[in-house]
Amino acid sequence: MLKLLSLLTVCIVSPAAASGLTALEARWLQAGQPVIAFARAQGLPLDIIVQPQDAPGAVPLALGFEAGRCKLVLSLRGNAQAQGVLQEALPAQQDLMIEAMTAHEVGHCRRYAQGDWHALPRGFVEPPSRMQGKLKVLDQELRDTRREESYADLVALAWMHGRHRERYRDVLAWMRRVRAGGDSAGGSHATQAWLALADGEGVFDGTASPFEQAQVLWRMGLSGDK
């Protein structure tokens, strides 16, 4: 989930600051480290931020974009959501799901860094039947956010398929459970139509980047999205 940062008290994670991390924060960062390293190797302007104060009810892992840089924000202290988001996964699988969540946020970073946020893929044209009537502002915002969440979900799945193929079905099943529950059902995080496209053999091409692989399925889903 993407959240733009405002005035937020944070600490930037660095080797010097690492000793101030909690065990839970260190675990989440370690689980997401392969994705973070990949993102930076791809040239994405990614900073890691850990909120040092309690953040009850906050999204445990979110992405902001400020001054041309992506801010991956962990809000784990005093936050039951940090464990709640993983409750659908077996304990032995939880680090895998944290890695998938990190890949999801990196998908957001890619879209923002390239100036594509809430924009359709280049060359994609909405079907004429869908362009005839204008959506209400709130409906359009919900639809556009859902599309971004869908792209990020597909980036996460492409990443997991390439790095943990033997656990791919577990990750997809977990993501479906998360998206089917709570406010996700029918809301801005209702990405089920795109997740269904990822349920099949050979849906991802390991020779392309996760961003490019996600784009293929994303465009397919956009063709049927209203």
C-alpha atoms as a PDB file:
ATOM      1  CA  MET A   1       0.000   0.000   0.000  1.00  0.00           C
ATOM      2  CA  LEU A   2       1.350   3.407  -0.899  1.00  0.00           C
ATOM      3  CA  LYS A   3       1.331   6.274   1.548  1.00  0.00           C
ATOM      4  CA  LEU A   4       2.866   9.632   0.787  1.00  0.00           C
ATOM      5  CA  LEU A   5       4.980  10.927   3.632  1.00  0.00           C
ATOM      6  CA  SER A   6       4.261  14.179   5.395  1.00  0.00           C
ATOM      7  CA  LEU A   7       5.916  15.375   8.595  1.00  0.00           C
ATOM      8  CA  LEU A   8       6.998  12.058  10.033  1.00  0.00           C
ATOM      9  CA  THR A   9       9.532  11.377  12.764  1.00  0.00           C
ATOM     10  CA  VAL A  10      11.766   8.670  11.385  1.00  0.00           C
ATOM     11  CA  CYS A  11      15.240   7.238  11.566  1.00  0.00           C
ATOM     12  CA  ILE A  12      17.152   6.218   8.447  1.00  0.00           C
ATOM     13  CA  VAL A  13      18.492   2.686   8.696  1.00  0.00           C
ATOM     14  CA  SER A  14      22.257   2.555   8.353  1.00  0.00           C
ATOM     15  CA  PRO A  15      24.989   0.327   9.823  1.00  0.00           C
ATOM     16  CA  ALA A  16      25.433   2.870  12.590  1.00  0.00           C
ATOM     17  CA  ALA A  17      21.724   2.897  13.401  1.00  0.00           C
ATOM     18  CA  ALA A  18      21.159  -0.828  13.049  1.00  0.00           C
ATOM     19  CA  SER A  19      21.912  -1.466  16.725  1.00  0.00           C
ATOM     20  CA  GLY A  20      18.789   0.523  17.587  1.00  0.00           C
ATOM     21  CA  LEU A  21      16.480  -1.821  15.710  1.00  0.00           C
ATOM     22  CA  THR A  22      14.148  -4.187  17.494  1.00  0.00           C
ATOM     23  CA  ALA A  23      14.380  -7.909  16.763  1.00  0.00           C
ATOM     24  CA  LEU A  24      11.153  -7.679  14.765  1.00  0.00           C
ATOM     25  CA  GLU A  25      12.442  -4.786  12.661  1.00  0.00           C
ATOM     26  CA  ALA A  26      15.700  -6.606  11.995  1.00  0.00           C
ATOM     27  CA  ARG A  27      13.726  -9.685  10.930  1.00  0.00           C
ATOM     28  CA  TRP A  28      11.562  -7.764   8.454  1.00  0.00           C
ATOM     29  CA  LEU A  29      14.559  -5.969   6.966  1.00  0.00           C
ATOM     30  CA  GLN A  30      16.532  -9.198   6.654  1.00  0.00           C
ATOM     31  CA  ALA A  31      13.624 -10.951   4.951  1.00  0.00           C
ATOM     32  CA  GLY A  32      13.256  -8.109   2.458  1.00  0.00           C
ATOM     33  CA  GLN A  33      16.960  -7.571   1.854  1.00  0.00           C
ATOM     34  CA  PRO A  34      17.176  -9.549  -1.441  1.00  0.00           C
ATOM     35  CA  VAL A  35      14.432  -7.389  -2.944  1.00  0.00           C
ATOM     36  CA  ILE A  36      15.973  -4.172  -1.620  1.00  0.00           C
ATOM     37  CA  ALA A  37      19.359  -5.107  -3.087  1.00  0.00           C
ATOM     38  CA  PHE A  38      17.742  -5.914  -6.442  1.00  0.00           C
ATOM     39  CA  ALA A  39      15.831  -2.625  -6.503  1.00  0.00           C
ATOM     40  CA  ARG A  40      18.942  -0.608  -5.840  1.00  0.00           C
ATOM     41  CA  ALA A  41      20.889  -2.577  -8.450  1.00  0.00           C
ATOM     42  CA  GLN A  42      18.148  -1.586 -10.923  1.00  0.00           C
ATOM     43  CA  GLY A  43      18.806   2.049 -10.080  1.00  0.00           C
ATOM     44  CA  LEU A  44      15.630   2.685  -8.115  1.00  0.00           C
ATOM     45  CA  PRO A  45      16.074   5.580  -5.623  1.00  0.00           C
ATOM     46  CA  LEU A  46      15.084   3.606  -2.542  1.00  0.00           C
ATOM     47  CA  ASP A  47      15.599   4.663   1.076  1.00  0.00           C
ATOM     48  CA  ILE A  48      14.737   2.528   4.113  1.00  0.00           C
ATOM     49  CA  ILE A  49      13.016   4.245   7.024  1.00  0.00           C
ATOM     50  CA  VAL A  50      11.996   2.807  10.382  1.00  0.00           C
ATOM     51  CA  GLN A  51       9.565   4.679  12.588  1.00  0.00           C
ATOM     52  CA  PRO A  52      11.104   4.832  16.080  1.00  0.00           C
ATOM     53  CA  GLN A  53       7.783   5.524  17.833  1.00  0.00           C
ATOM     54  CA  ASP A  54       4.790   3.262  18.407  1.00  0.00           C
ATOM     55  CA  ALA A  55       2.445   3.163  15.418  1.00  0.00           C
ATOM     56  CA  PRO A  56      -0.677   1.204  16.410  1.00  0.00           C
ATOM     57  CA  GLY A  57      -2.945   0.498  13.451  1.00  0.00           C
ATOM     58  CA  ALA A  58      -0.461   1.689  10.826  1.00  0.00           C
ATOM     59  CA  VAL A  59       0.322  -0.294   7.703  1.00  0.00           C
ATOM     60  CA  PRO A  60       3.423  -2.266   8.786  1.00  0.00           C
ATOM     61  CA  LEU A  61       5.222  -1.810   5.473  1.00  0.00           C
ATOM     62  CA  ALA A  62       4.356   1.073   3.169  1.00  0.00           C
ATOM     63  CA  LEU A  63       5.924   3.171   0.471  1.00  0.00           C
ATOM     64  CA  GLY A  64       6.164   6.935   0.167  1.00  0.00           C
ATOM     65  CA  PHE A  65       7.664   9.089  -2.544  1.00  0.00           C
ATOM     66  CA  GLU A  66       9.331  12.364  -1.621  1.00  0.00           C
ATOM     67  CA  ALA A  67      11.822  14.618  -3.365  1.00  0.00           C
ATOM     68  CA  GLY A  68      12.270  12.108  -6.166  1.00  0.00           C
ATOM     69  CA  ARG A  69      13.060   9.179  -3.883  1.00  0.00           C
ATOM     70  CA  CYS A  70      11.059   6.165  -2.708  1.00  0.00           C
ATOM     71  CA  LYS A  71      10.749   5.753   1.047  1.00  0.00           C
ATOM     72  CA  LEU A  72      10.150   2.207   2.263  1.00  0.00           C
ATOM     73  CA  VAL A  73       8.640   2.759   5.711  1.00  0.00           C
ATOM     74  CA  LEU A  74       8.440   0.170   8.480  1.00  0.00           C
ATOM     75  CA  SER A  75       5.932   0.916  11.269  1.00  0.00           C
ATOM     76  CA  LEU A  76       6.241  -2.129  13.514  1.00  0.00           C
ATOM     77  CA  ARG A  77       6.572  -0.835  17.069  1.00  0.00           C
ATOM     78  CA  GLY A  78       3.450  -1.195  19.161  1.00  0.00           C
ATOM     79  CA  ASN A  79       1.606  -2.314  16.049  1.00  0.00           C
ATOM     80  CA  ALA A  80      -0.463  -5.501  16.180  1.00  0.00           C
ATOM     81  CA  GLN A  81      -0.917  -5.262  12.417  1.00  0.00           C
ATOM     82  CA  ALA A  82       2.706  -6.342  12.001  1.00  0.00           C
ATOM     83  CA  GLN A  83       1.724  -9.842  13.049  1.00  0.00           C
ATOM     84  CA  GLY A  84      -1.869  -9.679  11.889  1.00  0.00           C
ATOM     85  CA  VAL A  85      -0.899  -9.332   8.235  1.00  0.00           C
ATOM     86  CA  LEU A  86       1.043 -12.597   8.532  1.00  0.00           C
ATOM     87  CA  GLN A  87      -1.555 -14.594  10.445  1.00  0.00           C
ATOM     88  CA  GLU A  88      -2.758 -16.312   7.273  1.00  0.00           C
ATOM     89  CA  ALA A  89       0.725 -17.787   6.745  1.00  0.00           C
ATOM     90  CA  LEU A  90       2.363 -20.649   8.609  1.00  0.00           C
ATOM     91  CA  PRO A  91       5.186 -19.510  10.956  1.00  0.00           C
ATOM     92  CA  ALA A  92       7.792 -21.177   8.738  1.00  0.00           C
ATOM     93  CA  GLN A  93       6.497 -19.205   5.731  1.00  0.00           C
ATOM     94  CA  GLN A  94       6.276 -15.749   7.279  1.00  0.00           C
ATOM     95  CA  ASP A  95       9.698 -14.488   6.182  1.00  0.00           C
ATOM     96  CA  LEU A  96       8.760 -15.512   2.645  1.00  0.00           C
ATOM     97  CA  MET A  97       5.609 -13.407   2.842  1.00  0.00           C
ATOM     98  CA  ILE A  98       7.593 -10.418   4.166  1.00  0.00           C
ATOM     99  CA  GLU A  99       9.839 -10.765   1.120  1.00  0.00           C
ATOM    100  CA  ALA A 100       6.748 -10.774  -1.101  1.00  0.00           C
ATOM    101  CA  MET A 101       5.398  -7.647   0.620  1.00  0.00           C
ATOM    102  CA  THR A 102       8.726  -5.907   0.081  1.00  0.00           C
ATOM    103  CA  ALA A 103       8.617  -6.813  -3.613  1.00  0.00           C
ATOM    104  CA  HIS A 104       5.079  -5.397  -3.767  1.00  0.00           C
ATOM    105  CA  GLU A 105       6.278  -2.045  -2.425  1.00  0.00           C
ATOM    106  CA  VAL A 106       9.226  -2.041  -4.822  1.00  0.00           C
ATOM    107  CA  GLY A 107       6.666  -2.445  -7.609  1.00  0.00           C
ATOM    108  CA  HIS A 108       5.078   0.803  -6.410  1.00  0.00           C
ATOM    109  CA  CYS A 109       8.504   2.447  -6.340  1.00  0.00           C
ATOM    110  CA  ARG A 110       9.155   1.474  -9.941  1.00  0.00           C
ATOM    111  CA  ARG A 111       5.883   3.040 -11.100  1.00  0.00           C
ATOM    112  CA  TYR A 112       6.476   6.234  -9.143  1.00  0.00           C
ATOM    113  CA  ALA A 113      10.123   6.597 -10.121  1.00  0.00           C
ATOM    114  CA  GLN A 114       9.254   6.261 -13.801  1.00  0.00           C
ATOM    115  CA  GLY A 115       6.473   8.832 -13.575  1.00  0.00           C
ATOM    116  CA  ASP A 116       3.797   6.266 -14.388  1.00  0.00           C
ATOM    117  CA  TRP A 117       1.673   6.491 -11.243  1.00  0.00           C
ATOM    118  CA  HIS A 118      -2.027   6.137 -12.132  1.00  0.00           C
ATOM    119  CA  ALA A 119      -1.118   6.059 -15.826  1.00  0.00           C
ATOM    120  CA  LEU A 120      -2.058   3.302 -18.234  1.00  0.00           C
ATOM    121  CA  PRO A 121       0.746   1.323 -19.904  1.00  0.00           C
ATOM    122  CA  ARG A 122       2.198   2.976 -22.978  1.00  0.00           C
ATOM    123  CA  GLY A 123       0.197   1.973 -26.031  1.00  0.00           C
ATOM    124  CA  PHE A 124      -2.774   0.694 -24.006  1.00  0.00           C
ATOM    125  CA  VAL A 125      -6.123   2.244 -24.937  1.00  0.00           C
ATOM    126  CA  GLU A 126      -9.275   1.941 -22.858  1.00  0.00           C
ATOM    127  CA  PRO A 127     -12.082   0.167 -24.766  1.00  0.00           C
ATOM    128  CA  PRO A 128     -14.480   2.775 -26.246  1.00  0.00           C
ATOM    129  CA  SER A 129     -17.403   1.367 -24.256  1.00  0.00           C
ATOM    130  CA  ARG A 130     -15.562   2.205 -21.057  1.00  0.00           C
ATOM    131  CA  MET A 131     -14.698   5.741 -22.094  1.00  0.00           C
ATOM    132  CA  GLN A 132     -18.245   6.834 -22.853  1.00  0.00           C
ATOM    133  CA  GLY A 133     -19.255   7.611 -19.296  1.00  0.00           C
ATOM    134  CA  LYS A 134     -17.142   9.492 -16.795  1.00  0.00           C
ATOM    135  CA  LEU A 135     -16.538   7.980 -13.368  1.00  0.00           C
ATOM    136  CA  LYS A 136     -17.141   9.985 -10.240  1.00  0.00           C
ATOM    137  CA  VAL A 137     -13.904  11.312  -8.778  1.00  0.00           C
ATOM    138  CA  LEU A 138     -13.964   8.915  -5.823  1.00  0.00           C
ATOM    139  CA  ASP A 139     -14.791   5.932  -8.043  1.00  0.00           C
ATOM    140  CA  GLN A 140     -11.970   6.793 -10.401  1.00  0.00           C
ATOM    141  CA  GLU A 141      -9.510   7.148  -7.519  1.00  0.00           C
ATOM    142  CA  LEU A 142     -10.549   3.727  -6.177  1.00  0.00           C
ATOM    143  CA  ARG A 143     -10.189   2.150  -9.623  1.00  0.00           C
ATOM    144  CA  ASP A 144      -6.797   3.727 -10.258  1.00  0.00           C
ATOM    145  CA  THR A 145      -5.510   2.671  -6.838  1.00  0.00           C
ATOM    146  CA  ARG A 146      -6.786  -0.873  -7.388  1.00  0.00           C
ATOM    147  CA  ARG A 147      -4.900  -1.006 -10.663  1.00  0.00           C
ATOM    148  CA  GLU A 148      -1.674   0.108  -8.985  1.00  0.00           C
ATOM    149  CA  GLU A 149      -2.134  -2.468  -6.228  1.00  0.00           C
ATOM    150  CA  SER A 150      -2.715  -5.123  -8.875  1.00  0.00           C
ATOM    151  CA  TYR A 151       0.496  -4.244 -10.693  1.00  0.00           C
ATOM    152  CA  ALA A 152       2.444  -4.362  -7.419  1.00  0.00           C
ATOM    153  CA  ASP A 153       0.900  -7.728  -6.506  1.00  0.00           C
ATOM    154  CA  LEU A 154       2.025  -9.104  -9.863  1.00  0.00           C
ATOM    155  CA  VAL A 155       5.556  -7.757  -9.364  1.00  0.00           C
ATOM    156  CA  ALA A 156       5.655  -9.568  -6.016  1.00  0.00           C
ATOM    157  CA  LEU A 157       4.439 -12.797  -7.612  1.00  0.00           C
ATOM    158  CA  ALA A 158       6.896 -12.536 -10.506  1.00  0.00           C
ATOM    159  CA  TRP A 159       9.694 -12.012  -7.986  1.00  0.00           C
ATOM    160  CA  MET A 160       8.653 -14.994  -5.877  1.00  0.00           C
ATOM    161  CA  HIS A 161       8.188 -17.183  -8.955  1.00  0.00           C
ATOM    162  CA  GLY A 162      11.733 -16.417 -10.051  1.00  0.00           C
ATOM    163  CA  ARG A 163      13.400 -16.777  -6.633  1.00  0.00           C
ATOM    164  CA  HIS A 164      11.232 -19.277  -4.774  1.00  0.00           C
ATOM    165  CA  ARG A 165       9.407 -21.222  -7.466  1.00  0.00           C
ATOM    166  CA  GLU A 166       8.827 -24.221  -5.200  1.00  0.00           C
ATOM    167  CA  ARG A 167       6.910 -21.949  -2.781  1.00  0.00           C
ATOM    168  CA  TYR A 168       5.103 -19.908  -5.407  1.00  0.00           C
ATOM    169  CA  ARG A 169       1.743 -21.624  -4.893  1.00  0.00           C
ATOM    170  CA  ASP A 170       1.956 -20.931  -1.148  1.00  0.00           C
ATOM    171  CA  VAL A 171       2.602 -17.228  -1.750  1.00  0.00           C
ATOM    172  CA  LEU A 172      -0.216 -16.937  -4.276  1.00  0.00           C
ATOM    173  CA  ALA A 173      -2.648 -18.695  -1.933  1.00  0.00           C
ATOM    174  CA  TRP A 174      -1.648 -16.407   0.950  1.00  0.00           C
ATOM    175  CA  MET A 175      -2.045 -13.303  -1.184  1.00  0.00           C
ATOM    176  CA  ARG A 176      -5.493 -14.435  -2.286  1.00  0.00           C
ATOM    177  CA  ARG A 177      -6.569 -14.919   1.329  1.00  0.00           C
ATOM    178  CA  VAL A 178      -5.309 -11.467   2.286  1.00  0.00           C
ATOM    179  CA  ARG A 179      -7.035  -9.808  -0.671  1.00  0.00           C
ATOM    180  CA  ALA A 180     -10.309 -11.635  -0.062  1.00  0.00           C
ATOM    181  CA  GLY A 181     -10.620 -10.468   3.543  1.00  0.00           C
ATOM    182  CA  GLY A 182     -11.437  -7.264   5.348  1.00  0.00           C
ATOM    183  CA  ASP A 183     -11.597  -4.000   3.435  1.00  0.00           C
ATOM    184  CA  SER A 184      -9.906  -5.567   0.429  1.00  0.00           C
ATOM    185  CA  ALA A 185     -13.092  -7.223  -0.775  1.00  0.00           C
ATOM    186  CA  GLY A 186     -14.523  -4.914  -3.419  1.00  0.00           C
ATOM    187  CA  GLY A 187     -12.260  -2.014  -2.440  1.00  0.00           C
ATOM    188  CA  SER A 188      -9.070  -0.396  -3.646  1.00  0.00           C
ATOM    189  CA  HIS A 189      -7.086  -3.565  -2.856  1.00  0.00           C
ATOM    190  CA  ALA A 190      -9.460  -5.985  -4.585  1.00  0.00           C
ATOM    191  CA  THR A 191      -6.858  -7.430  -6.939  1.00  0.00           C
ATOM    192  CA  GLN A 192      -8.441 -10.870  -7.283  1.00  0.00           C
ATOM    193  CA  ALA A 193      -8.982 -10.594 -11.053  1.00  0.00           C
ATOM    194  CA  TRP A 194      -5.258 -10.111 -11.588  1.00  0.00           C
ATOM    195  CA  LEU A 195      -4.313 -12.812  -9.089  1.00  0.00           C
ATOM    196  CA  ALA A 196      -6.460 -15.236 -11.083  1.00  0.00           C
ATOM    197  CA  LEU A 197      -4.315 -14.511 -14.142  1.00  0.00           C
ATOM    198  CA  ALA A 198      -1.226 -15.520 -12.150  1.00  0.00           C
ATOM    199  CA  ASP A 199      -2.694 -18.942 -11.351  1.00  0.00           C
ATOM    200  CA  GLY A 200      -1.311 -21.125 -14.084  1.00  0.00           C
ATOM    201  CA  GLU A 201       1.781 -22.781 -15.483  1.00  0.00           C
ATOM    202  CA  GLY A 202       4.191 -20.649 -17.465  1.00  0.00           C
ATOM    203  CA  VAL A 203       2.540 -17.323 -16.610  1.00  0.00           C
ATOM    204  CA  PHE A 204       5.885 -15.697 -15.846  1.00  0.00           C
ATOM    205  CA  ASP A 205       8.921 -15.562 -18.109  1.00  0.00           C
ATOM    206  CA  GLY A 206      12.036 -15.828 -15.970  1.00  0.00           C
ATOM    207  CA  THR A 207      14.237 -14.209 -18.621  1.00  0.00           C
ATOM    208  CA  ALA A 208      12.611 -10.785 -18.110  1.00  0.00           C
ATOM    209  CA  SER A 209      12.661  -8.586 -15.017  1.00  0.00           C
ATOM    210  CA  PRO A 210       9.798  -8.917 -12.499  1.00  0.00           C
ATOM    211  CA  PHE A 211       8.580  -5.491 -13.634  1.00  0.00           C
ATOM    212  CA  GLU A 212       8.361  -6.565 -17.267  1.00  0.00           C
ATOM    213  CA  GLN A 213       6.772  -9.902 -16.385  1.00  0.00           C
ATOM    214  CA  ALA A 214       4.154  -8.163 -14.243  1.00  0.00           C
ATOM    215  CA  GLN A 215       3.379  -5.719 -17.049  1.00  0.00           C
ATOM    216  CA  VAL A 216       2.235  -8.522 -19.363  1.00  0.00           C
ATOM    217  CA  LEU A 217      -0.399  -9.874 -16.967  1.00  0.00           C
ATOM    218  CA  TRP A 218      -1.315  -6.381 -15.798  1.00  0.00           C
ATOM    219  CA  ARG A 219      -2.264  -5.342 -19.320  1.00  0.00           C
ATOM    220  CA  MET A 220      -4.367  -8.481 -19.667  1.00  0.00           C
ATOM    221  CA  GLY A 221      -6.224  -7.610 -16.482  1.00  0.00           C
ATOM    222  CA  LEU A 222      -6.726  -3.997 -17.538  1.00  0.00           C
ATOM    223  CA  SER A 223      -8.534  -5.184 -20.645  1.00  0.00           C
ATOM    224  CA  GLY A 224     -11.296  -6.583 -18.461  1.00  0.00           C
ATOM    225  CA  ASP A 225     -11.232  -3.957 -15.692  1.00  0.00           C
ATOM    226  CA  LYS A 226     -14.097  -1.482 -15.400  1.00  0.00           C
END
